[in-house]
């Protein structure tokens, strides 16, 4: 391999590396956008859980306790031991 061939070889490989780097930068940009979208979705879900779902679960739990107390009171009044 003479000097010109070597230089051509090096230039070709540098061009390929540059193309690959540009391609990877595009992919990283795409990944960053998708990650940002996922983060915003997770934040929205967390907010909804805190503001809606947890309150509903608490209401259901309170209703269950009230129901149990009512059953206990009725059992006591009727003299039933279950």
N, C-alpha and C. Protein backbone atom coordinates (compact mmCIF):
# COMPACT_ATOMS: atom_id res chain seq x y z
N UNK A 1 0.86 -1.16 0.00
CA UNK A 1 0.00 0.00 0.00
C UNK A 1 0.91 1.23 0.00
N UNK A 2 0.71 2.08 -1.00
CA UNK A 2 1.53 3.28 -1.07
C UNK A 2 0.89 4.40 -0.26
N UNK A 3 1.52 5.53 -0.23
CA UNK A 3 1.10 6.65 0.59
C UNK A 3 -0.28 7.17 0.19
N UNK A 4 -0.56 7.29 -1.11
CA UNK A 4 -1.85 7.77 -1.57
C UNK A 4 -2.97 6.81 -1.19
N UNK A 5 -2.73 5.54 -1.36
CA UNK A 5 -3.73 4.53 -1.00
C UNK A 5 -4.03 4.56 0.50
N UNK A 6 -2.98 4.72 1.27
CA UNK A 6 -3.16 4.79 2.72
C UNK A 6 -3.98 6.02 3.10
N UNK A 7 -3.67 7.15 2.48
CA UNK A 7 -4.43 8.37 2.76
C UNK A 7 -5.89 8.22 2.38
N UNK A 8 -6.17 7.60 1.23
CA UNK A 8 -7.55 7.35 0.82
C UNK A 8 -8.26 6.44 1.81
N UNK A 9 -7.52 5.42 2.23
CA UNK A 9 -8.07 4.48 3.21
C UNK A 9 -8.46 5.21 4.50
N UNK A 10 -7.57 6.04 5.00
CA UNK A 10 -7.81 6.78 6.24
C UNK A 10 -8.98 7.74 6.06
N UNK A 11 -9.03 8.45 4.93
CA UNK A 11 -10.10 9.40 4.68
C UNK A 11 -11.44 8.68 4.63
N UNK A 12 -11.52 7.54 3.96
CA UNK A 12 -12.76 6.78 3.88
C UNK A 12 -13.24 6.37 5.27
N UNK A 13 -12.31 5.89 6.07
CA UNK A 13 -12.69 5.46 7.42
C UNK A 13 -13.10 6.64 8.30
N UNK A 14 -12.45 7.77 8.14
CA UNK A 14 -12.85 8.95 8.88
C UNK A 14 -14.23 9.42 8.46
N UNK A 15 -14.54 9.32 7.18
CA UNK A 15 -15.86 9.70 6.69
C UNK A 15 -16.92 8.76 7.27
N UNK A 16 -16.61 7.47 7.30
CA UNK A 16 -17.55 6.51 7.89
C UNK A 16 -17.78 6.80 9.37
N UNK A 17 -16.68 7.10 10.07
CA UNK A 17 -16.81 7.42 11.49
C UNK A 17 -17.65 8.67 11.70
N UNK A 18 -17.48 9.66 10.84
CA UNK A 18 -18.26 10.88 10.93
C UNK A 18 -19.73 10.59 10.67
N UNK A 19 -20.03 9.76 9.67
CA UNK A 19 -21.41 9.38 9.38
C UNK A 19 -22.03 8.63 10.55
N UNK A 20 -21.26 7.71 11.11
CA UNK A 20 -21.76 6.93 12.25
C UNK A 20 -22.02 7.83 13.46
N UNK A 21 -21.13 8.79 13.68
CA UNK A 21 -21.30 9.71 14.79
C UNK A 21 -22.56 10.55 14.59
N UNK A 22 -22.77 11.04 13.38
CA UNK A 22 -23.98 11.82 13.09
C UNK A 22 -25.23 10.99 13.28
N UNK A 23 -25.18 9.75 12.84
CA UNK A 23 -26.31 8.84 13.00
C UNK A 23 -26.60 8.60 14.48
N UNK A 24 -25.55 8.40 15.26
CA UNK A 24 -25.73 8.16 16.70
C UNK A 24 -26.28 9.40 17.38
N UNK A 25 -25.85 10.58 16.97
CA UNK A 25 -26.38 11.80 17.56
C UNK A 25 -27.87 11.92 17.29
N UNK A 26 -28.30 11.57 16.08
CA UNK A 26 -29.72 11.58 15.75
C UNK A 26 -30.50 10.59 16.60
N UNK A 27 -29.93 9.42 16.79
CA UNK A 27 -30.60 8.41 17.61
C UNK A 27 -30.70 8.87 19.07
N UNK A 28 -29.62 9.46 19.56
CA UNK A 28 -29.63 9.96 20.94
C UNK A 28 -30.67 11.05 21.11
N UNK A 29 -30.78 11.90 20.14
CA UNK A 29 -31.78 12.96 20.19
C UNK A 29 -33.18 12.35 20.24
N UNK A 30 -33.40 11.33 19.43
CA UNK A 30 -34.69 10.64 19.42
C UNK A 30 -34.96 9.97 20.77
N UNK A 31 -33.95 9.34 21.33
CA UNK A 31 -34.10 8.67 22.63
C UNK A 31 -34.40 9.70 23.72
N UNK A 32 -33.72 10.85 23.67
CA UNK A 32 -33.96 11.89 24.66
C UNK A 32 -35.40 12.39 24.58
N UNK A 33 -35.91 12.54 23.37
CA UNK A 33 -37.30 12.96 23.20
C UNK A 33 -38.26 11.94 23.75
N UNK A 34 -38.00 10.68 23.47
CA UNK A 34 -38.89 9.63 23.98
C UNK A 34 -38.81 9.53 25.50
N UNK A 35 -37.61 9.70 26.05
CA UNK A 35 -37.44 9.66 27.50
C UNK A 35 -38.18 10.82 28.15
N UNK A 36 -38.11 11.96 27.56
CA UNK A 36 -38.84 13.12 28.07
C UNK A 36 -40.34 12.85 28.07
N UNK A 37 -40.83 12.21 27.02
CA UNK A 37 -42.24 11.86 26.93
C UNK A 37 -42.62 10.88 28.03
N UNK A 38 -41.77 9.90 28.27
CA UNK A 38 -42.04 8.90 29.32
C UNK A 38 -42.05 9.58 30.69
N UNK A 39 -41.11 10.48 30.92
CA UNK A 39 -41.05 11.18 32.20
C UNK A 39 -42.32 11.99 32.44
N UNK A 40 -42.80 12.67 31.43
CA UNK A 40 -44.01 13.46 31.61
C UNK A 40 -45.22 12.57 31.85
N UNK A 41 -45.26 11.41 31.19
CA UNK A 41 -46.36 10.47 31.40
C UNK A 41 -46.33 9.92 32.83
N UNK A 42 -45.15 9.58 33.32
CA UNK A 42 -45.01 9.07 34.68
C UNK A 42 -45.43 10.14 35.69
N UNK A 43 -45.02 11.37 35.45
CA UNK A 43 -45.41 12.46 36.35
C UNK A 43 -46.92 12.64 36.37
N UNK A 44 -47.55 12.55 35.19
CA UNK A 44 -49.01 12.68 35.11
C UNK A 44 -49.68 11.55 35.88
N UNK A 45 -49.17 10.33 35.73
CA UNK A 45 -49.75 9.18 36.43
C UNK A 45 -49.58 9.33 37.95
N UNK A 46 -48.39 9.75 38.38
CA UNK A 46 -48.16 9.94 39.81
C UNK A 46 -49.10 10.99 40.38
N UNK A 47 -49.25 12.08 39.66
CA UNK A 47 -50.14 13.14 40.12
C UNK A 47 -51.57 12.64 40.22
N UNK A 48 -52.00 11.87 39.23
CA UNK A 48 -53.37 11.34 39.25
C UNK A 48 -53.55 10.39 40.43
N UNK A 49 -52.54 9.55 40.67
CA UNK A 49 -52.64 8.63 41.81
C UNK A 49 -52.77 9.40 43.11
N UNK A 50 -51.94 10.43 43.27
CA UNK A 50 -51.97 11.20 44.51
C UNK A 50 -53.29 11.93 44.68
N UNK A 51 -53.84 12.47 43.61
CA UNK A 51 -55.02 13.31 43.73
C UNK A 51 -56.34 12.58 43.59
N UNK A 52 -56.37 11.46 42.93
CA UNK A 52 -57.65 10.79 42.68
C UNK A 52 -57.70 9.40 43.30
N UNK A 53 -56.78 8.56 42.93
CA UNK A 53 -56.87 7.14 43.27
C UNK A 53 -56.69 6.91 44.76
N UNK A 54 -55.71 7.57 45.37
CA UNK A 54 -55.46 7.35 46.80
C UNK A 54 -56.67 7.80 47.62
N UNK A 55 -57.27 8.93 47.23
CA UNK A 55 -58.47 9.39 47.93
C UNK A 55 -59.61 8.39 47.80
N UNK A 56 -59.77 7.82 46.62
CA UNK A 56 -60.85 6.84 46.41
C UNK A 56 -60.60 5.58 47.22
N UNK A 57 -59.37 5.15 47.30
CA UNK A 57 -59.04 3.97 48.11
C UNK A 57 -59.33 4.26 49.58
N UNK A 58 -58.99 5.46 50.04
CA UNK A 58 -59.27 5.83 51.43
C UNK A 58 -60.76 5.81 51.71
N UNK A 59 -61.56 6.33 50.77
CA UNK A 59 -63.02 6.33 50.94
C UNK A 59 -63.54 4.90 51.01
N UNK A 60 -63.03 4.01 50.14
CA UNK A 60 -63.45 2.61 50.17
C UNK A 60 -63.08 1.95 51.50
N UNK A 61 -61.88 2.25 51.98
CA UNK A 61 -61.44 1.69 53.26
C UNK A 61 -62.32 2.18 54.40
N UNK A 62 -62.62 3.48 54.40
CA UNK A 62 -63.49 4.04 55.44
C UNK A 62 -64.88 3.40 55.38
N UNK A 63 -65.40 3.19 54.18
CA UNK A 63 -66.70 2.54 54.03
C UNK A 63 -66.67 1.11 54.54
N UNK A 64 -65.57 0.42 54.30
CA UNK A 64 -65.42 -0.95 54.78
C UNK A 64 -65.41 -0.98 56.31
N UNK A 65 -64.67 -0.05 56.92
CA UNK A 65 -64.64 0.02 58.39
C UNK A 65 -66.02 0.33 58.96
N UNK A 66 -66.72 1.25 58.33
CA UNK A 66 -68.07 1.60 58.78
C UNK A 66 -68.99 0.39 58.68
N UNK A 67 -68.87 -0.35 57.59
CA UNK A 67 -69.68 -1.55 57.39
C UNK A 67 -69.36 -2.59 58.48
N UNK A 68 -68.09 -2.80 58.76
CA UNK A 68 -67.69 -3.75 59.80
C UNK A 68 -68.25 -3.34 61.17
N UNK A 69 -68.16 -2.05 61.47
CA UNK A 69 -68.68 -1.57 62.76
C UNK A 69 -70.19 -1.80 62.86
N UNK A 70 -70.88 -1.55 61.76
CA UNK A 70 -72.33 -1.75 61.75
C UNK A 70 -72.65 -3.23 61.97
N UNK A 71 -71.92 -4.11 61.28
CA UNK A 71 -72.13 -5.55 61.48
C UNK A 71 -71.84 -5.97 62.91
N UNK A 72 -70.75 -5.45 63.47
CA UNK A 72 -70.42 -5.78 64.86
C UNK A 72 -71.53 -5.33 65.81
N UNK A 73 -72.05 -4.12 65.58
CA UNK A 73 -73.13 -3.59 66.43
C UNK A 73 -74.37 -4.46 66.30
N UNK A 74 -74.73 -4.86 65.07
CA UNK A 74 -75.91 -5.70 64.86
C UNK A 74 -75.74 -7.07 65.49
N UNK A 75 -74.55 -7.63 65.35
CA UNK A 75 -74.29 -8.94 65.96
C UNK A 75 -74.41 -8.85 67.47
N UNK A 76 -73.89 -7.76 68.02
CA UNK A 76 -73.95 -7.58 69.47
C UNK A 76 -75.40 -7.44 69.93
N UNK A 77 -76.20 -6.66 69.19
CA UNK A 77 -77.60 -6.46 69.57
C UNK A 77 -78.40 -7.75 69.44
N UNK A 78 -78.08 -8.54 68.42
CA UNK A 78 -78.82 -9.80 68.21
C UNK A 78 -78.24 -10.96 69.01
N UNK A 79 -77.07 -10.75 69.61
CA UNK A 79 -76.45 -11.81 70.40
C UNK A 79 -75.85 -12.90 69.53
N UNK A 80 -75.43 -12.53 68.35
CA UNK A 80 -74.84 -13.49 67.43
C UNK A 80 -73.33 -13.42 67.53
N UNK A 81 -72.70 -14.56 67.67
CA UNK A 81 -71.23 -14.62 67.67
C UNK A 81 -70.76 -15.42 66.46
N UNK A 82 -70.20 -14.71 65.52
CA UNK A 82 -69.74 -15.40 64.30
C UNK A 82 -68.24 -15.51 64.33
